[in-house]
PDB file of N, CA and C in Angstrom:
ATOM      1  N   MET A   1       2.346  11.965  -2.598  1.00  0.00           N
ATOM      2  CA  MET A   1       1.548  12.207  -1.402  1.00  0.00           C
ATOM      3  C   MET A   1       0.209  11.646  -1.511  1.00  0.00           C
ATOM      4  N   LYS A   2      -0.433  11.793  -2.692  1.00  0.00           N
ATOM      5  CA  LYS A   2      -1.754  11.222  -2.900  1.00  0.00           C
ATOM      6  C   LYS A   2      -1.762   9.676  -2.811  1.00  0.00           C
ATOM      7  N   SER A   3      -0.683   9.113  -3.377  1.00  0.00           N
ATOM      8  CA  SER A   3      -0.627   7.598  -3.306  1.00  0.00           C
ATOM      9  C   SER A   3      -0.397   7.128  -1.852  1.00  0.00           C
ATOM     10  N   ILE A   4       0.259   7.875  -1.042  1.00  0.00           N
ATOM     11  CA  ILE A   4       0.459   7.499   0.320  1.00  0.00           C
ATOM     12  C   ILE A   4      -0.895   7.564   1.073  1.00  0.00           C
ATOM     13  N   LYS A   5      -1.650   8.583   0.812  1.00  0.00           N
ATOM     14  CA  LYS A   5      -2.999   8.727   1.440  1.00  0.00           C
ATOM     15  C   LYS A   5      -3.894   7.567   1.015  1.00  0.00           C
ATOM     16  N   THR A   6      -3.829   7.201  -0.260  1.00  0.00           N
ATOM     17  CA  THR A   6      -4.657   6.120  -0.768  1.00  0.00           C
ATOM     18  C   THR A   6      -4.249   4.785  -0.093  1.00  0.00           C
ATOM     19  N   PHE A   7      -2.948   4.564  -0.032  1.00  0.00           N
ATOM     20  CA  PHE A   7      -2.448   3.314   0.648  1.00  0.00           C
ATOM     21  C   PHE A   7      -2.923   3.249   2.095  1.00  0.00           C
ATOM     22  N   VAL A   8      -2.788   4.339   2.797  1.00  0.00           N
ATOM     23  CA  VAL A   8      -3.235   4.374   4.197  1.00  0.00           C
ATOM     24  C   VAL A   8      -4.710   4.057   4.302  1.00  0.00           C
ATOM     25  N   ALA A   9      -5.514   4.706   3.416  1.00  0.00           N
ATOM     26  CA  ALA A   9      -6.992   4.487   3.483  1.00  0.00           C
ATOM     27  C   ALA A   9      -7.289   3.020   3.179  1.00  0.00           C
ATOM     28  N   VAL A  10      -6.670   2.405   2.177  1.00  0.00           N
ATOM     29  CA  VAL A  10      -6.955   1.029   1.839  1.00  0.00           C
ATOM     30  C   VAL A  10      -6.527   0.084   2.996  1.00  0.00           C
ATOM     31  N   THR A  11      -5.398   0.374   3.601  1.00  0.00           N
ATOM     32  CA  THR A  11      -4.945  -0.437   4.679  1.00  0.00           C
ATOM     33  C   THR A  11      -5.912  -0.361   5.871  1.00  0.00           C
ATOM     34  N   ALA A  12      -6.346   0.848   6.165  1.00  0.00           N
ATOM     35  CA  ALA A  12      -7.314   1.018   7.300  1.00  0.00           C
ATOM     36  C   ALA A  12      -8.611   0.294   7.013  1.00  0.00           C
ATOM     37  N   LEU A  13      -9.142   0.395   5.823  1.00  0.00           N
ATOM     38  CA  LEU A  13     -10.393  -0.323   5.511  1.00  0.00           C
ATOM     39  C   LEU A  13     -10.228  -1.820   5.551  1.00  0.00           C
ATOM     40  N   THR A  14      -9.079  -2.332   5.143  1.00  0.00           N
ATOM     41  CA  THR A  14      -8.803  -3.766   5.180  1.00  0.00           C
ATOM     42  C   THR A  14      -8.810  -4.285   6.656  1.00  0.00           C
ATOM     43  N   LEU A  15      -8.125  -3.517   7.506  1.00  0.00           N
ATOM     44  CA  LEU A  15      -8.086  -3.852   8.913  1.00  0.00           C
ATOM     45  C   LEU A  15      -9.475  -3.805   9.610  1.00  0.00           C
ATOM     46  N   VAL A  16     -10.262  -2.809   9.205  1.00  0.00           N
ATOM     47  CA  VAL A  16     -11.589  -2.705   9.773  1.00  0.00           C
ATOM     48  C   VAL A  16     -12.457  -3.880   9.356  1.00  0.00           C
ATOM     49  N   SER A  17     -12.395  -4.256   8.041  1.00  0.00           N
ATOM     50  CA  SER A  17     -13.195  -5.394   7.594  1.00  0.00           C
ATOM     51  C   SER A  17     -12.749  -6.706   8.261  1.00  0.00           C
ATOM     52  N   PHE A  18     -11.430  -6.878   8.470  1.00  0.00           N
ATOM     53  CA  PHE A  18     -10.954  -8.046   9.127  1.00  0.00           C
ATOM     54  C   PHE A  18     -11.407  -8.084  10.589  1.00  0.00           C
ATOM     55  N   ALA A  19     -11.288  -6.993  11.305  1.00  0.00           N
ATOM     56  CA  ALA A  19     -11.671  -6.895  12.651  1.00  0.00           C
ATOM     57  C   ALA A  19     -13.197  -7.119  12.862  1.00  0.00           C
ATOM     58  N   SER A  20     -13.937  -6.665  11.921  1.00  0.00           N
ATOM     59  CA  SER A  20     -15.416  -6.810  12.044  1.00  0.00           C
ATOM     60  C   SER A  20     -15.837  -8.245  11.886  1.00  0.00           C
ATOM     61  N   PHE A  21     -15.012  -9.069  11.242  1.00  0.00           N
ATOM     62  CA  PHE A  21     -15.393 -10.482  11.058  1.00  0.00           C
ATOM     63  C   PHE A  21     -14.948 -11.328  12.252  1.00  0.00           C
ATOM     64  N   ALA A  22     -13.830 -11.031  12.858  1.00  0.00           N
ATOM     65  CA  ALA A  22     -13.266 -11.869  13.888  1.00  0.00           C
ATOM     66  C   ALA A  22     -14.319 -12.138  14.937  1.00  0.00           C
ATOM     67  N   GLN A  23     -14.455 -13.416  15.284  1.00  0.00           N
ATOM     68  CA  GLN A  23     -15.526 -13.851  16.162  1.00  0.00           C
ATOM     69  C   GLN A  23     -14.959 -14.853  17.133  1.00  0.00           C
ATOM     70  N   SER A  24     -15.312 -14.766  18.386  1.00  0.00           N
ATOM     71  CA  SER A  24     -14.870 -15.664  19.412  1.00  0.00           C
ATOM     72  C   SER A  24     -16.031 -16.578  19.809  1.00  0.00           C
ATOM     73  N   ILE A  25     -15.689 -17.869  19.927  1.00  0.00           N
ATOM     74  CA  ILE A  25     -16.705 -18.855  20.333  1.00  0.00           C
ATOM     75  C   ILE A  25     -16.123 -19.710  21.475  1.00  0.00           C
ATOM     76  N   SER A  26     -17.010 -20.200  22.278  1.00  0.00           N
ATOM     77  CA  SER A  26     -16.664 -21.039  23.417  1.00  0.00           C
ATOM     78  C   SER A  26     -17.532 -22.320  23.377  1.00  0.00           C
ATOM     79  N   VAL A  27     -16.912 -23.437  23.749  1.00  0.00           N
ATOM     80  CA  VAL A  27     -17.655 -24.678  23.811  1.00  0.00           C
ATOM     81  C   VAL A  27     -17.303 -25.434  25.108  1.00  0.00           C
ATOM     82  N   ASP A  28     -18.160 -26.365  25.482  1.00  0.00           N
ATOM     83  CA  ASP A  28     -17.907 -27.200  26.647  1.00  0.00           C
ATOM     84  C   ASP A  28     -18.005 -28.678  26.122  1.00  0.00           C
ATOM     85  N   ALA A  29     -17.168 -29.549  26.655  1.00  0.00           N
ATOM     86  CA  ALA A  29     -17.165 -30.936  26.230  1.00  0.00           C
ATOM     87  C   ALA A  29     -16.517 -31.768  27.320  1.00  0.00           C
ATOM     88  N   SER A  30     -16.489 -33.068  27.150  1.00  0.00           N
ATOM     89  CA  SER A  30     -15.918 -33.952  28.145  1.00  0.00           C
ATOM     90  C   SER A  30     -14.426 -34.197  27.938  1.00  0.00           C
ATOM     91  N   THR A  31     -13.922 -33.982  26.676  1.00  0.00           N
ATOM     92  CA  THR A  31     -12.521 -34.209  26.413  1.00  0.00           C
ATOM     93  C   THR A  31     -11.985 -33.039  25.523  1.00  0.00           C
ATOM     94  N   LEU A  32     -10.696 -32.856  25.488  1.00  0.00           N
ATOM     95  CA  LEU A  32     -10.070 -31.870  24.636  1.00  0.00           C
ATOM     96  C   LEU A  32     -10.414 -32.087  23.168  1.00  0.00           C
ATOM     97  N   ASP A  33     -10.300 -33.401  22.735  1.00  0.00           N
ATOM     98  CA  ASP A  33     -10.571 -33.728  21.349  1.00  0.00           C
ATOM     99  C   ASP A  33     -11.983 -33.405  20.939  1.00  0.00           C
ATOM    100  N   SER A  34     -12.949 -33.700  21.812  1.00  0.00           N
ATOM    101  CA  SER A  34     -14.329 -33.400  21.434  1.00  0.00           C
ATOM    102  C   SER A  34     -14.590 -31.904  21.440  1.00  0.00           C
ATOM    103  N   ALA A  35     -13.982 -31.102  22.336  1.00  0.00           N
ATOM    104  CA  ALA A  35     -14.155 -29.687  22.337  1.00  0.00           C
ATOM    105  C   ALA A  35     -13.579 -29.104  21.021  1.00  0.00           C
ATOM    106  N   GLU A  36     -12.362 -29.548  20.620  1.00  0.00           N
ATOM    107  CA  GLU A  36     -11.793 -29.043  19.395  1.00  0.00           C
ATOM    108  C   GLU A  36     -12.641 -29.500  18.187  1.00  0.00           C
ATOM    109  N   ALA A  37     -13.214 -30.631  18.213  1.00  0.00           N
ATOM    110  CA  ALA A  37     -14.086 -31.125  17.091  1.00  0.00           C
ATOM    111  C   ALA A  37     -15.295 -30.216  16.991  1.00  0.00           C
ATOM    112  N   LYS A  38     -15.838 -29.771  18.107  1.00  0.00           N
ATOM    113  CA  LYS A  38     -17.027 -28.888  18.049  1.00  0.00           C
ATOM    114  C   LYS A  38     -16.606 -27.535  17.427  1.00  0.00           C
ATOM    115  N   ILE A  39     -15.469 -27.008  17.820  1.00  0.00           N
ATOM    116  CA  ILE A  39     -14.985 -25.760  17.225  1.00  0.00           C
ATOM    117  C   ILE A  39     -14.699 -25.896  15.736  1.00  0.00           C
ATOM    118  N   ALA A  40     -14.089 -27.003  15.396  1.00  0.00           N
ATOM    119  CA  ALA A  40     -13.734 -27.228  13.968  1.00  0.00           C
ATOM    120  C   ALA A  40     -15.037 -27.387  13.145  1.00  0.00           C
ATOM    121  N   ALA A  41     -16.045 -27.961  13.722  1.00  0.00           N
ATOM    122  CA  ALA A  41     -17.353 -28.079  12.972  1.00  0.00           C
ATOM    123  C   ALA A  41     -17.944 -26.731  12.722  1.00  0.00           C
ATOM    124  N   VAL A  42     -17.954 -25.877  13.722  1.00  0.00           N
ATOM    125  CA  VAL A  42     -18.506 -24.527  13.568  1.00  0.00           C
ATOM    126  C   VAL A  42     -17.690 -23.756  12.512  1.00  0.00           C
ATOM    127  N   ALA A  43     -16.363 -23.849  12.581  1.00  0.00           N
ATOM    128  CA  ALA A  43     -15.518 -23.148  11.605  1.00  0.00           C
ATOM    129  C   ALA A  43     -15.741 -23.644  10.174  1.00  0.00           C
ATOM    130  N   GLN A  44     -15.889 -24.941  10.073  1.00  0.00           N
ATOM    131  CA  GLN A  44     -16.111 -25.533   8.753  1.00  0.00           C
ATOM    132  C   GLN A  44     -17.473 -25.113   8.204  1.00  0.00           C
ATOM    133  N   GLN A  45     -18.461 -25.083   9.059  1.00  0.00           N
ATOM    134  CA  GLN A  45     -19.793 -24.677   8.623  1.00  0.00           C
ATOM    135  C   GLN A  45     -19.815 -23.242   8.151  1.00  0.00           C
ATOM    136  N   GLN A  46     -19.000 -22.368   8.749  1.00  0.00           N
ATOM    137  CA  GLN A  46     -18.976 -20.967   8.347  1.00  0.00           C
ATOM    138  C   GLN A  46     -17.916 -20.729   7.279  1.00  0.00           C
ATOM    139  N   GLY A  47     -17.134 -21.740   6.949  1.00  0.00           N
ATOM    140  CA  GLY A  47     -16.110 -21.566   5.917  1.00  0.00           C
ATOM    141  C   GLY A  47     -14.933 -20.737   6.315  1.00  0.00           C
ATOM    142  N   VAL A  48     -14.546 -20.833   7.595  1.00  0.00           N
ATOM    143  CA  VAL A  48     -13.422 -20.017   8.116  1.00  0.00           C
ATOM    144  C   VAL A  48     -12.410 -20.889   8.837  1.00  0.00           C
ATOM    145  N   GLN A  49     -11.341 -20.265   9.254  1.00  0.00           N
ATOM    146  CA  GLN A  49     -10.338 -20.945  10.005  1.00  0.00           C
ATOM    147  C   GLN A  49     -10.474 -20.623  11.462  1.00  0.00           C
ATOM    148  N   TYR A  50      -9.799 -21.368  12.382  1.00  0.00           N
ATOM    149  CA  TYR A  50      -9.892 -21.060  13.817  1.00  0.00           C
ATOM    150  C   TYR A  50      -8.515 -21.179  14.448  1.00  0.00           C
ATOM    151  N   LYS A  51      -8.412 -20.462  15.602  1.00  0.00           N
ATOM    152  CA  LYS A  51      -7.212 -20.575  16.400  1.00  0.00           C
ATOM    153  C   LYS A  51      -7.670 -20.709  17.878  1.00  0.00           C
ATOM    154  N   ILE A  52      -7.284 -21.682  18.534  1.00  0.00           N
ATOM    155  CA  ILE A  52      -7.689 -21.940  19.925  1.00  0.00           C
ATOM    156  C   ILE A  52      -6.926 -20.946  20.784  1.00  0.00           C
ATOM    157  N   THR A  53      -7.666 -20.202  21.597  1.00  0.00           N
ATOM    158  CA  THR A  53      -7.035 -19.188  22.444  1.00  0.00           C
ATOM    159  C   THR A  53      -7.014 -19.564  23.906  1.00  0.00           C
ATOM    160  N   GLU A  54      -7.859 -20.536  24.309  1.00  0.00           N
ATOM    161  CA  GLU A  54      -7.896 -20.888  25.731  1.00  0.00           C
ATOM    162  C   GLU A  54      -8.494 -22.283  25.856  1.00  0.00           C
ATOM    163  N   ALA A  55      -8.003 -23.050  26.782  1.00  0.00           N
ATOM    164  CA  ALA A  55      -8.597 -24.368  27.154  1.00  0.00           C
ATOM    165  C   ALA A  55      -8.383 -24.587  28.607  1.00  0.00           C
ATOM    166  N   ASN A  56      -9.477 -24.978  29.267  1.00  0.00           N
ATOM    167  CA  ASN A  56      -9.483 -25.187  30.712  1.00  0.00           C
ATOM    168  C   ASN A  56     -10.083 -26.564  30.994  1.00  0.00           C
ATOM    169  N   THR A  57      -9.381 -27.337  31.777  1.00  0.00           N
ATOM    170  CA  THR A  57      -9.873 -28.666  32.115  1.00  0.00           C
ATOM    171  C   THR A  57      -9.977 -28.806  33.633  1.00  0.00           C
ATOM    172  N   ASN A  58     -11.185 -28.781  34.127  1.00  0.00           N
ATOM    173  CA  ASN A  58     -11.510 -29.133  35.487  1.00  0.00           C
ATOM    174  C   ASN A  58     -12.267 -30.456  35.438  1.00  0.00           C
ATOM    175  N   ASN A  59     -13.536 -30.497  35.748  1.00  0.00           N
ATOM    176  CA  ASN A  59     -14.290 -31.749  35.556  1.00  0.00           C
ATOM    177  C   ASN A  59     -14.688 -31.884  34.113  1.00  0.00           C
ATOM    178  N   ARG A  60     -14.820 -30.799  33.398  1.00  0.00           N
ATOM    179  CA  ARG A  60     -15.135 -30.762  31.949  1.00  0.00           C
ATOM    180  C   ARG A  60     -14.176 -29.852  31.297  1.00  0.00           C
ATOM    181  N   VAL A  61     -14.219 -29.908  29.921  1.00  0.00           N
ATOM    182  CA  VAL A  61     -13.267 -29.006  29.156  1.00  0.00           C
ATOM    183  C   VAL A  61     -14.089 -27.796  28.710  1.00  0.00           C
ATOM    184  N   HIS A  62     -13.521 -26.661  28.921  1.00  0.00           N
ATOM    185  CA  HIS A  62     -14.036 -25.382  28.362  1.00  0.00           C
ATOM    186  C   HIS A  62     -12.961 -24.865  27.410  1.00  0.00           C
ATOM    187  N   MET A  63     -13.328 -24.619  26.146  1.00  0.00           N
ATOM    188  CA  MET A  63     -12.366 -24.143  25.172  1.00  0.00           C
ATOM    189  C   MET A  63     -12.927 -22.938  24.421  1.00  0.00           C
ATOM    190  N   THR A  64     -12.053 -21.988  24.196  1.00  0.00           N
ATOM    191  CA  THR A  64     -12.422 -20.742  23.450  1.00  0.00           C
ATOM    192  C   THR A  64     -11.535 -20.656  22.217  1.00  0.00           C
ATOM    193  N   ALA A  65     -12.104 -20.188  21.095  1.00  0.00           N
ATOM    194  CA  ALA A  65     -11.303 -20.043  19.876  1.00  0.00           C
ATOM    195  C   ALA A  65     -11.731 -18.811  19.169  1.00  0.00           C
ATOM    196  N   GLN A  66     -10.834 -18.291  18.369  1.00  0.00           N
ATOM    197  CA  GLN A  66     -11.053 -17.136  17.519  1.00  0.00           C
ATOM    198  C   GLN A  66     -11.307 -17.610  16.079  1.00  0.00           C
ATOM    199  N   LEU A  67     -12.388 -17.264  15.461  1.00  0.00           N
ATOM    200  CA  LEU A  67     -12.689 -17.567  14.049  1.00  0.00           C
ATOM    201  C   LEU A  67     -12.251 -16.447  13.177  1.00  0.00           C
ATOM    202  N   TYR A  68     -11.650 -16.764  12.086  1.00  0.00           N
ATOM    203  CA  TYR A  68     -11.149 -15.720  11.107  1.00  0.00           C
ATOM    204  C   TYR A  68     -11.163 -16.308   9.727  1.00  0.00           C
ATOM    205  N   LYS A  69     -11.179 -15.383   8.727  1.00  0.00           N
ATOM    206  CA  LYS A  69     -11.099 -15.802   7.341  1.00  0.00           C
ATOM    207  C   LYS A  69      -9.758 -16.114   6.950  1.00  0.00           C
TER     208      LYS A  69
END
């Protein structure tokens, strides 16, 4: 029983630390490639990975991504 409580506590703390790092960023650019390059540059500067969550192309490109470790 004690080991189960310890496991649950460690799991909860791990999820909290991951959730506290997750960061969303948005960029605007003239092309999809240049918008992704901007997001990749920010991710590389912070030493993290990214996942694009949204991209909208009207007259310009608006792209949103989630940064994570």
